[in-house]
């Protein structure tokens, strides 16, 4: 009789360990998703469309930071904190961070379950993606404008938050053309290029310079060090675009997220 009992104990341990591992994977996926959303919202705040509300975008960034701090930043997640996570206001974050819905401080749903193929929502209630875990899906900015028709797909078009200006026609391809969100300085049709060979080491890109009086002039600089990307890096269009804004010393809250770099290896998986 002892032998079957021993087998049952072992089976119980295996099931428990598998469940814990699956939950931890869900948690990692959720936090990577949160990081990616922070990049998107930060970019929308840095490059707002004509009808965007800057105050709303700033509030969304605050809520994202608070959710990140409370759910994703703790060094360890205990059984109690996993099922009893709240904001200072008393609003519930989740009744189970591994398997149950997550909510923002305003009560808005982020997703129905971490690590599962569910719709993803911004803090303002706008849909970010309908089928987040699948990839190759349409992705939207917080203002509802289309960002891309095929998230995590190579050689597709990405749009700026205004929904019209093009970031690139060939996401995920080293040496593709990337554009600034304004017309060409020479007066010809089209947008000013960041580079026609973006991500290629030792190729050129257009750098924007400003005099003390605010006058703009451009120089041609060499792509090197942190500006050299491979194809996988260049799938993360928001992350790469944020790095470009940091060339101009723009402040952004996405740096506060972990790992807050230019990769989406974990969002989603």
C-alpha atoms as a PDB file:
ATOM      1  CA  UNK A   1       0.000   0.000   0.000  1.00  0.00           C
ATOM      2  CA  UNK A   2       2.923   2.332   0.591  1.00  0.00           C
ATOM      3  CA  UNK A   3       4.080   2.156  -3.026  1.00  0.00           C
ATOM      4  CA  UNK A   4       0.845   3.551  -4.568  1.00  0.00           C
ATOM      5  CA  UNK A   5       0.822   6.236  -1.880  1.00  0.00           C
ATOM      6  CA  UNK A   6       4.382   7.174  -2.841  1.00  0.00           C
ATOM      7  CA  UNK A   7       3.358   7.381  -6.513  1.00  0.00           C
ATOM      8  CA  UNK A   8       0.420   9.619  -5.644  1.00  0.00           C
ATOM      9  CA  UNK A   9       2.706  11.910  -3.655  1.00  0.00           C
ATOM     10  CA  UNK A  10       5.147  12.135  -6.575  1.00  0.00           C
ATOM     11  CA  UNK A  11       2.327  12.811  -9.027  1.00  0.00           C
ATOM     12  CA  UNK A  12       0.985  15.552  -6.773  1.00  0.00           C
ATOM     13  CA  UNK A  13       4.428  17.164  -6.639  1.00  0.00           C
ATOM     14  CA  UNK A  14       4.822  17.030 -10.433  1.00  0.00           C
ATOM     15  CA  UNK A  15       1.386  18.575 -11.007  1.00  0.00           C
ATOM     16  CA  UNK A  16       2.085  21.310  -8.454  1.00  0.00           C
ATOM     17  CA  UNK A  17       5.470  22.104  -9.983  1.00  0.00           C
ATOM     18  CA  UNK A  18       4.033  22.186 -13.521  1.00  0.00           C
ATOM     19  CA  UNK A  19       1.211  24.494 -12.418  1.00  0.00           C
ATOM     20  CA  UNK A  20       3.669  26.832 -10.714  1.00  0.00           C
ATOM     21  CA  UNK A  21       5.935  26.899 -13.766  1.00  0.00           C
ATOM     22  CA  UNK A  22       2.990  27.630 -16.052  1.00  0.00           C
ATOM     23  CA  UNK A  23       1.875  30.455 -13.793  1.00  0.00           C
ATOM     24  CA  UNK A  24       5.338  31.966 -13.713  1.00  0.00           C
ATOM     25  CA  UNK A  25       5.447  31.875 -17.510  1.00  0.00           C
ATOM     26  CA  UNK A  26       2.076  33.626 -17.624  1.00  0.00           C
ATOM     27  CA  UNK A  27       3.400  36.241 -15.244  1.00  0.00           C
ATOM     28  CA  UNK A  28       6.533  36.807 -17.335  1.00  0.00           C
ATOM     29  CA  UNK A  29       4.428  37.152 -20.481  1.00  0.00           C
ATOM     30  CA  UNK A  30       2.107  39.630 -18.746  1.00  0.00           C
ATOM     31  CA  UNK A  31       4.996  41.807 -17.570  1.00  0.00           C
ATOM     32  CA  UNK A  32       6.599  41.753 -21.022  1.00  0.00           C
ATOM     33  CA  UNK A  33       3.234  42.789 -22.452  1.00  0.00           C
ATOM     34  CA  UNK A  34       3.050  45.636 -19.945  1.00  0.00           C
ATOM     35  CA  UNK A  35       6.537  46.782 -20.945  1.00  0.00           C
ATOM     36  CA  UNK A  36       5.591  46.776 -24.621  1.00  0.00           C
ATOM     37  CA  UNK A  37       2.419  48.763 -23.905  1.00  0.00           C
ATOM     38  CA  UNK A  38       4.511  51.297 -21.984  1.00  0.00           C
ATOM     39  CA  UNK A  39       6.644  51.829 -25.096  1.00  0.00           C
ATOM     40  CA  UNK A  40       3.548  52.374 -27.226  1.00  0.00           C
ATOM     41  CA  UNK A  41       1.927  54.835 -24.792  1.00  0.00           C
ATOM     42  CA  UNK A  42       5.216  56.698 -24.264  1.00  0.00           C
ATOM     43  CA  UNK A  43       5.682  57.124 -28.006  1.00  0.00           C
ATOM     44  CA  UNK A  44       2.122  58.370 -28.397  1.00  0.00           C
ATOM     45  CA  UNK A  45       2.827  60.930 -25.664  1.00  0.00           C
ATOM     46  CA  UNK A  46       6.090  62.029 -27.327  1.00  0.00           C
ATOM     47  CA  UNK A  47       4.543  62.156 -30.809  1.00  0.00           C
ATOM     48  CA  UNK A  48       0.857  62.962 -30.261  1.00  0.00           C
ATOM     49  CA  UNK A  49      -1.645  63.160 -33.061  1.00  0.00           C
ATOM     50  CA  UNK A  50      -3.612  66.391 -33.536  1.00  0.00           C
ATOM     51  CA  UNK A  51      -6.585  65.338 -31.405  1.00  0.00           C
ATOM     52  CA  UNK A  52      -4.709  63.444 -28.671  1.00  0.00           C
ATOM     53  CA  UNK A  53      -5.100  64.624 -25.082  1.00  0.00           C
ATOM     54  CA  UNK A  54      -1.614  65.052 -23.523  1.00  0.00           C
ATOM     55  CA  UNK A  55      -3.068  64.960 -19.997  1.00  0.00           C
ATOM     56  CA  UNK A  56      -4.785  61.630 -20.701  1.00  0.00           C
ATOM     57  CA  UNK A  57      -1.598  60.145 -22.135  1.00  0.00           C
ATOM     58  CA  UNK A  58       0.373  61.302 -19.085  1.00  0.00           C
ATOM     59  CA  UNK A  59      -2.228  59.753 -16.780  1.00  0.00           C
ATOM     60  CA  UNK A  60      -2.018  56.477 -18.697  1.00  0.00           C
ATOM     61  CA  UNK A  61       1.753  56.436 -18.249  1.00  0.00           C
ATOM     62  CA  UNK A  62       1.288  56.967 -14.504  1.00  0.00           C
ATOM     63  CA  UNK A  63      -1.138  54.035 -14.272  1.00  0.00           C
ATOM     64  CA  UNK A  64       1.184  51.794 -16.279  1.00  0.00           C
ATOM     65  CA  UNK A  65       4.085  52.636 -13.971  1.00  0.00           C
ATOM     66  CA  UNK A  66       1.987  51.873 -10.902  1.00  0.00           C
ATOM     67  CA  UNK A  67       0.852  48.506 -12.247  1.00  0.00           C
ATOM     68  CA  UNK A  68       4.421  47.664 -13.220  1.00  0.00           C
ATOM     69  CA  UNK A  69       5.712  48.632  -9.774  1.00  0.00           C
ATOM     70  CA  UNK A  70       3.165  46.589  -7.874  1.00  0.00           C
ATOM     71  CA  UNK A  71       2.850  43.495 -10.076  1.00  0.00           C
ATOM     72  CA  UNK A  72       6.133  43.137 -11.968  1.00  0.00           C
ATOM     73  CA  UNK A  73       8.857  44.786  -9.900  1.00  0.00           C
ATOM     74  CA  UNK A  74       8.701  42.863  -6.587  1.00  0.00           C
ATOM     75  CA  UNK A  75      11.763  40.664  -6.128  1.00  0.00           C
ATOM     76  CA  UNK A  76       9.562  37.733  -5.147  1.00  0.00           C
ATOM     77  CA  UNK A  77       5.861  36.971  -5.514  1.00  0.00           C
ATOM     78  CA  UNK A  78       4.505  35.044  -2.537  1.00  0.00           C
ATOM     79  CA  UNK A  79       1.355  32.986  -2.540  1.00  0.00           C
ATOM     80  CA  UNK A  80      -0.385  35.704  -0.550  1.00  0.00           C
ATOM     81  CA  UNK A  81       0.672  38.656  -2.715  1.00  0.00           C
ATOM     82  CA  UNK A  82      -0.122  36.706  -5.875  1.00  0.00           C
ATOM     83  CA  UNK A  83      -3.781  36.502  -4.834  1.00  0.00           C
ATOM     84  CA  UNK A  84      -4.029  39.755  -2.880  1.00  0.00           C
ATOM     85  CA  UNK A  85      -2.649  42.507  -5.087  1.00  0.00           C
ATOM     86  CA  UNK A  86      -4.165  45.952  -4.686  1.00  0.00           C
ATOM     87  CA  UNK A  87      -3.428  49.582  -5.492  1.00  0.00           C
ATOM     88  CA  UNK A  88      -3.203  52.160  -2.707  1.00  0.00           C
ATOM     89  CA  UNK A  89      -6.750  53.238  -3.585  1.00  0.00           C
ATOM     90  CA  UNK A  90      -8.026  49.757  -2.730  1.00  0.00           C
ATOM     91  CA  UNK A  91      -8.722  48.870  -6.362  1.00  0.00           C
ATOM     92  CA  UNK A  92      -7.980  45.188  -6.995  1.00  0.00           C
ATOM     93  CA  UNK A  93      -5.159  44.479  -9.462  1.00  0.00           C
ATOM     94  CA  UNK A  94      -5.922  40.760  -9.721  1.00  0.00           C
ATOM     95  CA  UNK A  95      -7.307  37.970  -7.580  1.00  0.00           C
ATOM     96  CA  UNK A  96      -4.575  35.730  -9.048  1.00  0.00           C
ATOM     97  CA  UNK A  97      -1.709  37.309 -10.986  1.00  0.00           C
ATOM     98  CA  UNK A  98      -0.955  33.936 -12.619  1.00  0.00           C
ATOM     99  CA  UNK A  99      -4.376  33.141 -14.057  1.00  0.00           C
ATOM    100  CA  UNK A 100      -6.998  35.842 -13.449  1.00  0.00           C
ATOM    101  CA  UNK A 101      -7.751  39.228 -15.072  1.00  0.00           C
ATOM    102  CA  UNK A 102      -5.477  42.226 -14.407  1.00  0.00           C
ATOM    103  CA  UNK A 103      -6.869  45.734 -13.997  1.00  0.00           C
ATOM    104  CA  UNK A 104      -5.463  49.253 -14.066  1.00  0.00           C
ATOM    105  CA  UNK A 105      -5.894  51.686 -11.130  1.00  0.00           C
ATOM    106  CA  UNK A 106      -9.028  53.132 -12.770  1.00  0.00           C
ATOM    107  CA  UNK A 107     -10.617  49.664 -12.890  1.00  0.00           C
ATOM    108  CA  UNK A 108     -10.141  49.244 -16.650  1.00  0.00           C
ATOM    109  CA  UNK A 109      -9.369  45.674 -17.733  1.00  0.00           C
ATOM    110  CA  UNK A 110      -5.870  45.056 -19.139  1.00  0.00           C
ATOM    111  CA  UNK A 111      -6.538  41.449 -20.163  1.00  0.00           C
ATOM    112  CA  UNK A 112      -8.830  38.592 -19.142  1.00  0.00           C
ATOM    113  CA  UNK A 113      -5.946  36.246 -18.296  1.00  0.00           C
ATOM    114  CA  UNK A 114      -2.136  36.592 -18.442  1.00  0.00           C
ATOM    115  CA  UNK A 115      -0.355  34.436 -20.988  1.00  0.00           C
ATOM    116  CA  UNK A 116      -3.544  33.606 -22.903  1.00  0.00           C
ATOM    117  CA  UNK A 117      -4.887  34.729 -26.272  1.00  0.00           C
ATOM    118  CA  UNK A 118      -7.196  37.498 -25.106  1.00  0.00           C
ATOM    119  CA  UNK A 119      -7.851  41.090 -26.186  1.00  0.00           C
ATOM    120  CA  UNK A 120      -5.474  43.654 -24.664  1.00  0.00           C
ATOM    121  CA  UNK A 121      -6.747  47.081 -23.570  1.00  0.00           C
ATOM    122  CA  UNK A 122      -5.089  50.403 -22.779  1.00  0.00           C
ATOM    123  CA  UNK A 123      -5.979  52.212 -19.531  1.00  0.00           C
ATOM    124  CA  UNK A 124      -8.363  54.467 -21.492  1.00  0.00           C
ATOM    125  CA  UNK A 125     -10.341  51.424 -22.673  1.00  0.00           C
ATOM    126  CA  UNK A 126      -9.025  51.517 -26.240  1.00  0.00           C
ATOM    127  CA  UNK A 127      -8.228  48.123 -27.749  1.00  0.00           C
ATOM    128  CA  UNK A 128      -4.518  47.519 -28.374  1.00  0.00           C
ATOM    129  CA  UNK A 129      -4.902  44.096 -30.026  1.00  0.00           C
ATOM    130  CA  UNK A 130      -7.720  41.564 -30.393  1.00  0.00           C
ATOM    131  CA  UNK A 131      -5.583  38.409 -30.380  1.00  0.00           C
ATOM    132  CA  UNK A 132      -2.416  39.358 -28.559  1.00  0.00           C
ATOM    133  CA  UNK A 133      -0.759  35.957 -28.248  1.00  0.00           C
ATOM    134  CA  UNK A 134      -1.004  35.023 -31.905  1.00  0.00           C
ATOM    135  CA  UNK A 135       1.128  37.762 -33.452  1.00  0.00           C
ATOM    136  CA  UNK A 136       0.463  38.737 -37.072  1.00  0.00           C
ATOM    137  CA  UNK A 137      -2.529  40.736 -35.797  1.00  0.00           C
ATOM    138  CA  UNK A 138      -3.541  44.380 -36.123  1.00  0.00           C
ATOM    139  CA  UNK A 139      -2.099  46.640 -33.425  1.00  0.00           C
ATOM    140  CA  UNK A 140      -3.566  50.042 -32.495  1.00  0.00           C
ATOM    141  CA  UNK A 141      -2.272  53.198 -30.808  1.00  0.00           C
ATOM    142  CA  UNK A 142      -4.027  54.439 -27.621  1.00  0.00           C
ATOM    143  CA  UNK A 143      -5.937  56.953 -29.749  1.00  0.00           C
ATOM    144  CA  UNK A 144      -7.400  54.136 -31.873  1.00  0.00           C
ATOM    145  CA  UNK A 145      -5.298  54.766 -34.981  1.00  0.00           C
ATOM    146  CA  UNK A 146      -3.737  51.755 -36.677  1.00  0.00           C
ATOM    147  CA  UNK A 147      -0.087  51.124 -35.776  1.00  0.00           C
ATOM    148  CA  UNK A 148       0.348  48.089 -38.028  1.00  0.00           C
ATOM    149  CA  UNK A 149      -1.854  45.460 -39.616  1.00  0.00           C
ATOM    150  CA  UNK A 150       0.572  42.653 -38.777  1.00  0.00           C
ATOM    151  CA  UNK A 151       2.327  42.821 -35.412  1.00  0.00           C
ATOM    152  CA  UNK A 152       5.549  40.733 -35.238  1.00  0.00           C
ATOM    153  CA  UNK A 153       5.581  40.073 -38.956  1.00  0.00           C
ATOM    154  CA  UNK A 154       8.545  40.877 -41.183  1.00  0.00           C
ATOM    155  CA  UNK A 155       8.479  43.516 -43.939  1.00  0.00           C
ATOM    156  CA  UNK A 156       5.177  45.179 -43.025  1.00  0.00           C
ATOM    157  CA  UNK A 157       4.257  48.848 -42.659  1.00  0.00           C
ATOM    158  CA  UNK A 158       4.126  50.692 -39.339  1.00  0.00           C
ATOM    159  CA  UNK A 159       2.389  54.064 -38.885  1.00  0.00           C
ATOM    160  CA  UNK A 160       3.028  56.929 -36.472  1.00  0.00           C
ATOM    161  CA  UNK A 161       0.266  57.783 -33.955  1.00  0.00           C
ATOM    162  CA  UNK A 162      -1.324  60.202 -36.419  1.00  0.00           C
ATOM    163  CA  UNK A 163      -2.272  57.156 -38.516  1.00  0.00           C
ATOM    164  CA  UNK A 164      -0.879  58.668 -41.733  1.00  0.00           C
ATOM    165  CA  UNK A 165       2.869  59.183 -41.531  1.00  0.00           C
ATOM    166  CA  UNK A 166       4.959  56.062 -42.092  1.00  0.00           C
ATOM    167  CA  UNK A 167       7.644  54.823 -39.696  1.00  0.00           C
ATOM    168  CA  UNK A 168       8.844  52.112 -42.066  1.00  0.00           C
ATOM    169  CA  UNK A 169       7.478  49.953 -44.852  1.00  0.00           C
ATOM    170  CA  UNK A 170       9.693  47.001 -43.896  1.00  0.00           C
ATOM    171  CA  UNK A 171       9.640  46.245 -40.187  1.00  0.00           C
ATOM    172  CA  UNK A 172      12.092  43.556 -39.158  1.00  0.00           C
ATOM    173  CA  UNK A 173      14.460  44.069 -42.074  1.00  0.00           C
ATOM    174  CA  UNK A 174      17.970  45.346 -41.534  1.00  0.00           C
ATOM    175  CA  UNK A 175      18.870  48.059 -44.026  1.00  0.00           C
ATOM    176  CA  UNK A 176      15.285  49.213 -44.659  1.00  0.00           C
ATOM    177  CA  UNK A 177      14.105  52.804 -44.945  1.00  0.00           C
ATOM    178  CA  UNK A 178      12.839  54.524 -41.788  1.00  0.00           C
ATOM    179  CA  UNK A 179      11.220  57.966 -41.717  1.00  0.00           C
ATOM    180  CA  UNK A 180      10.687  60.946 -39.442  1.00  0.00           C
ATOM    181  CA  UNK A 181       7.021  62.048 -39.034  1.00  0.00           C
ATOM    182  CA  UNK A 182       7.359  65.247 -41.056  1.00  0.00           C
ATOM    183  CA  UNK A 183       7.798  66.291 -44.723  1.00  0.00           C
ATOM    184  CA  UNK A 184      11.128  66.322 -46.528  1.00  0.00           C
ATOM    185  CA  UNK A 185      13.240  69.418 -45.903  1.00  0.00           C
ATOM    186  CA  UNK A 186      13.979  69.837 -49.610  1.00  0.00           C
ATOM    187  CA  UNK A 187      10.310  70.417 -50.353  1.00  0.00           C
ATOM    188  CA  UNK A 188       9.844  67.276 -52.426  1.00  0.00           C
ATOM    189  CA  UNK A 189       6.960  64.868 -51.827  1.00  0.00           C
ATOM    190  CA  UNK A 190       7.367  62.398 -48.995  1.00  0.00           C
ATOM    191  CA  UNK A 191       8.697  62.238 -45.460  1.00  0.00           C
ATOM    192  CA  UNK A 192      12.195  63.083 -44.289  1.00  0.00           C
ATOM    193  CA  UNK A 193      14.268  59.904 -44.035  1.00  0.00           C
ATOM    194  CA  UNK A 194      15.929  58.802 -40.840  1.00  0.00           C
ATOM    195  CA  UNK A 195      17.993  56.445 -42.964  1.00  0.00           C
ATOM    196  CA  UNK A 196      17.674  54.419 -46.149  1.00  0.00           C
ATOM    197  CA  UNK A 197      19.817  51.699 -44.522  1.00  0.00           C
ATOM    198  CA  UNK A 198      18.595  51.756 -40.929  1.00  0.00           C
ATOM    199  CA  UNK A 199      20.383  49.338 -38.594  1.00  0.00           C
ATOM    200  CA  UNK A 200      23.351  48.729 -40.923  1.00  0.00           C
ATOM    201  CA  UNK A 201      26.694  49.442 -39.292  1.00  0.00           C
ATOM    202  CA  UNK A 202      28.682  52.331 -40.837  1.00  0.00           C
ATOM    203  CA  UNK A 203      25.774  53.457 -43.026  1.00  0.00           C
ATOM    204  CA  UNK A 204      24.467  57.020 -42.659  1.00  0.00           C
ATOM    205  CA  UNK A 205      21.423  58.487 -40.956  1.00  0.00           C
ATOM    206  CA  UNK A 206      19.995  62.000 -40.749  1.00  0.00           C
ATOM    207  CA  UNK A 207      20.529  63.658 -37.378  1.00  0.00           C
ATOM    208  CA  UNK A 208      18.492  66.713 -36.390  1.00  0.00           C
ATOM    209  CA  UNK A 209      20.443  69.558 -34.792  1.00  0.00           C
ATOM    210  CA  UNK A 210      19.140  72.747 -33.193  1.00  0.00           C
ATOM    211  CA  UNK A 211      20.966  75.987 -32.585  1.00  0.00           C
ATOM    212  CA  UNK A 212      20.582  77.984 -29.359  1.00  0.00           C
ATOM    213  CA  UNK A 213      17.912  80.065 -31.109  1.00  0.00           C
ATOM    214  CA  UNK A 214      15.977  76.937 -32.099  1.00  0.00           C
ATOM    215  CA  UNK A 215      17.005  76.884 -35.758  1.00  0.00           C
ATOM    216  CA  UNK A 216      17.057  73.397 -37.247  1.00  0.00           C
ATOM    217  CA  UNK A 217      19.823  71.962 -39.373  1.00  0.00           C
ATOM    218  CA  UNK A 218      20.720  68.384 -40.258  1.00  0.00           C
ATOM    219  CA  UNK A 219      23.946  66.419 -40.409  1.00  0.00           C
ATOM    220  CA  UNK A 220      24.782  62.982 -41.727  1.00  0.00           C
ATOM    221  CA  UNK A 221      25.998  60.707 -38.946  1.00  0.00           C
ATOM    222  CA  UNK A 222      27.285  57.154 -38.968  1.00  0.00           C
ATOM    223  CA  UNK A 223      25.254  54.213 -37.643  1.00  0.00           C
ATOM    224  CA  UNK A 224      27.319  52.580 -34.923  1.00  0.00           C
ATOM    225  CA  UNK A 225      27.205  50.919 -31.496  1.00  0.00           C
ATOM    226  CA  UNK A 226      23.644  50.959 -30.064  1.00  0.00           C
ATOM    227  CA  UNK A 227      22.186  51.945 -33.450  1.00  0.00           C
ATOM    228  CA  UNK A 228      23.260  48.684 -35.105  1.00  0.00           C
ATOM    229  CA  UNK A 229      20.333  46.231 -35.175  1.00  0.00           C
ATOM    230  CA  UNK A 230      19.541  42.800 -36.529  1.00  0.00           C
ATOM    231  CA  UNK A 231      16.242  41.760 -38.095  1.00  0.00           C
ATOM    232  CA  UNK A 232      14.738  40.563 -34.805  1.00  0.00           C
ATOM    233  CA  UNK A 233      15.578  43.855 -33.081  1.00  0.00           C
ATOM    234  CA  UNK A 234      13.862  45.716 -35.892  1.00  0.00           C
ATOM    235  CA  UNK A 235      10.597  43.838 -35.355  1.00  0.00           C
ATOM    236  CA  UNK A 236      10.214  45.903 -32.179  1.00  0.00           C
ATOM    237  CA  UNK A 237       9.412  49.106 -34.029  1.00  0.00           C
ATOM    238  CA  UNK A 238       8.245  51.019 -30.898  1.00  0.00           C
ATOM    239  CA  UNK A 239      11.394  50.051 -28.988  1.00  0.00           C
ATOM    240  CA  UNK A 240      13.690  51.116 -31.817  1.00  0.00           C
ATOM    241  CA  UNK A 241      11.749  54.337 -32.342  1.00  0.00           C
ATOM    242  CA  UNK A 242      12.078  55.152 -28.641  1.00  0.00           C
ATOM    243  CA  UNK A 243      15.823  54.742 -28.940  1.00  0.00           C
ATOM    244  CA  UNK A 244      15.751  57.257 -31.801  1.00  0.00           C
ATOM    245  CA  UNK A 245      13.904  59.781 -29.603  1.00  0.00           C
ATOM    246  CA  UNK A 246      16.584  59.235 -26.954  1.00  0.00           C
ATOM    247  CA  UNK A 247      19.160  60.459 -29.459  1.00  0.00           C
ATOM    248  CA  UNK A 248      17.534  63.842 -28.878  1.00  0.00           C
ATOM    249  CA  UNK A 249      17.584  63.455 -25.072  1.00  0.00           C
ATOM    250  CA  UNK A 250      13.841  63.121 -24.855  1.00  0.00           C
ATOM    251  CA  UNK A 251      12.605  61.998 -21.466  1.00  0.00           C
ATOM    252  CA  UNK A 252      10.370  58.931 -21.430  1.00  0.00           C
ATOM    253  CA  UNK A 253       8.923  56.721 -18.724  1.00  0.00           C
ATOM    254  CA  UNK A 254       9.489  53.475 -20.646  1.00  0.00           C
ATOM    255  CA  UNK A 255      13.019  53.392 -19.198  1.00  0.00           C
ATOM    256  CA  UNK A 256      11.473  52.565 -15.833  1.00  0.00           C
ATOM    257  CA  UNK A 257      10.250  49.197 -17.038  1.00  0.00           C
ATOM    258  CA  UNK A 258      12.296  46.012 -16.926  1.00  0.00           C
ATOM    259  CA  UNK A 259      14.094  45.201 -19.126  1.00  0.00           C
ATOM    260  CA  UNK A 260      12.929  48.287 -21.115  1.00  0.00           C
ATOM    261  CA  UNK A 261      15.285  47.556 -23.982  1.00  0.00           C
ATOM    262  CA  UNK A 262      14.655  47.188 -27.708  1.00  0.00           C
ATOM    263  CA  UNK A 263      13.414  43.627 -27.901  1.00  0.00           C
ATOM    264  CA  UNK A 264      10.060  41.894 -27.713  1.00  0.00           C
ATOM    265  CA  UNK A 265      11.282  38.362 -27.153  1.00  0.00           C
ATOM    266  CA  UNK A 266       8.796  38.040 -24.315  1.00  0.00           C
ATOM    267  CA  UNK A 267       5.813  39.937 -25.670  1.00  0.00           C
ATOM    268  CA  UNK A 268       3.858  37.918 -26.261  1.00  0.00           C
ATOM    269  CA  UNK A 269       4.959  34.329 -25.769  1.00  0.00           C
END
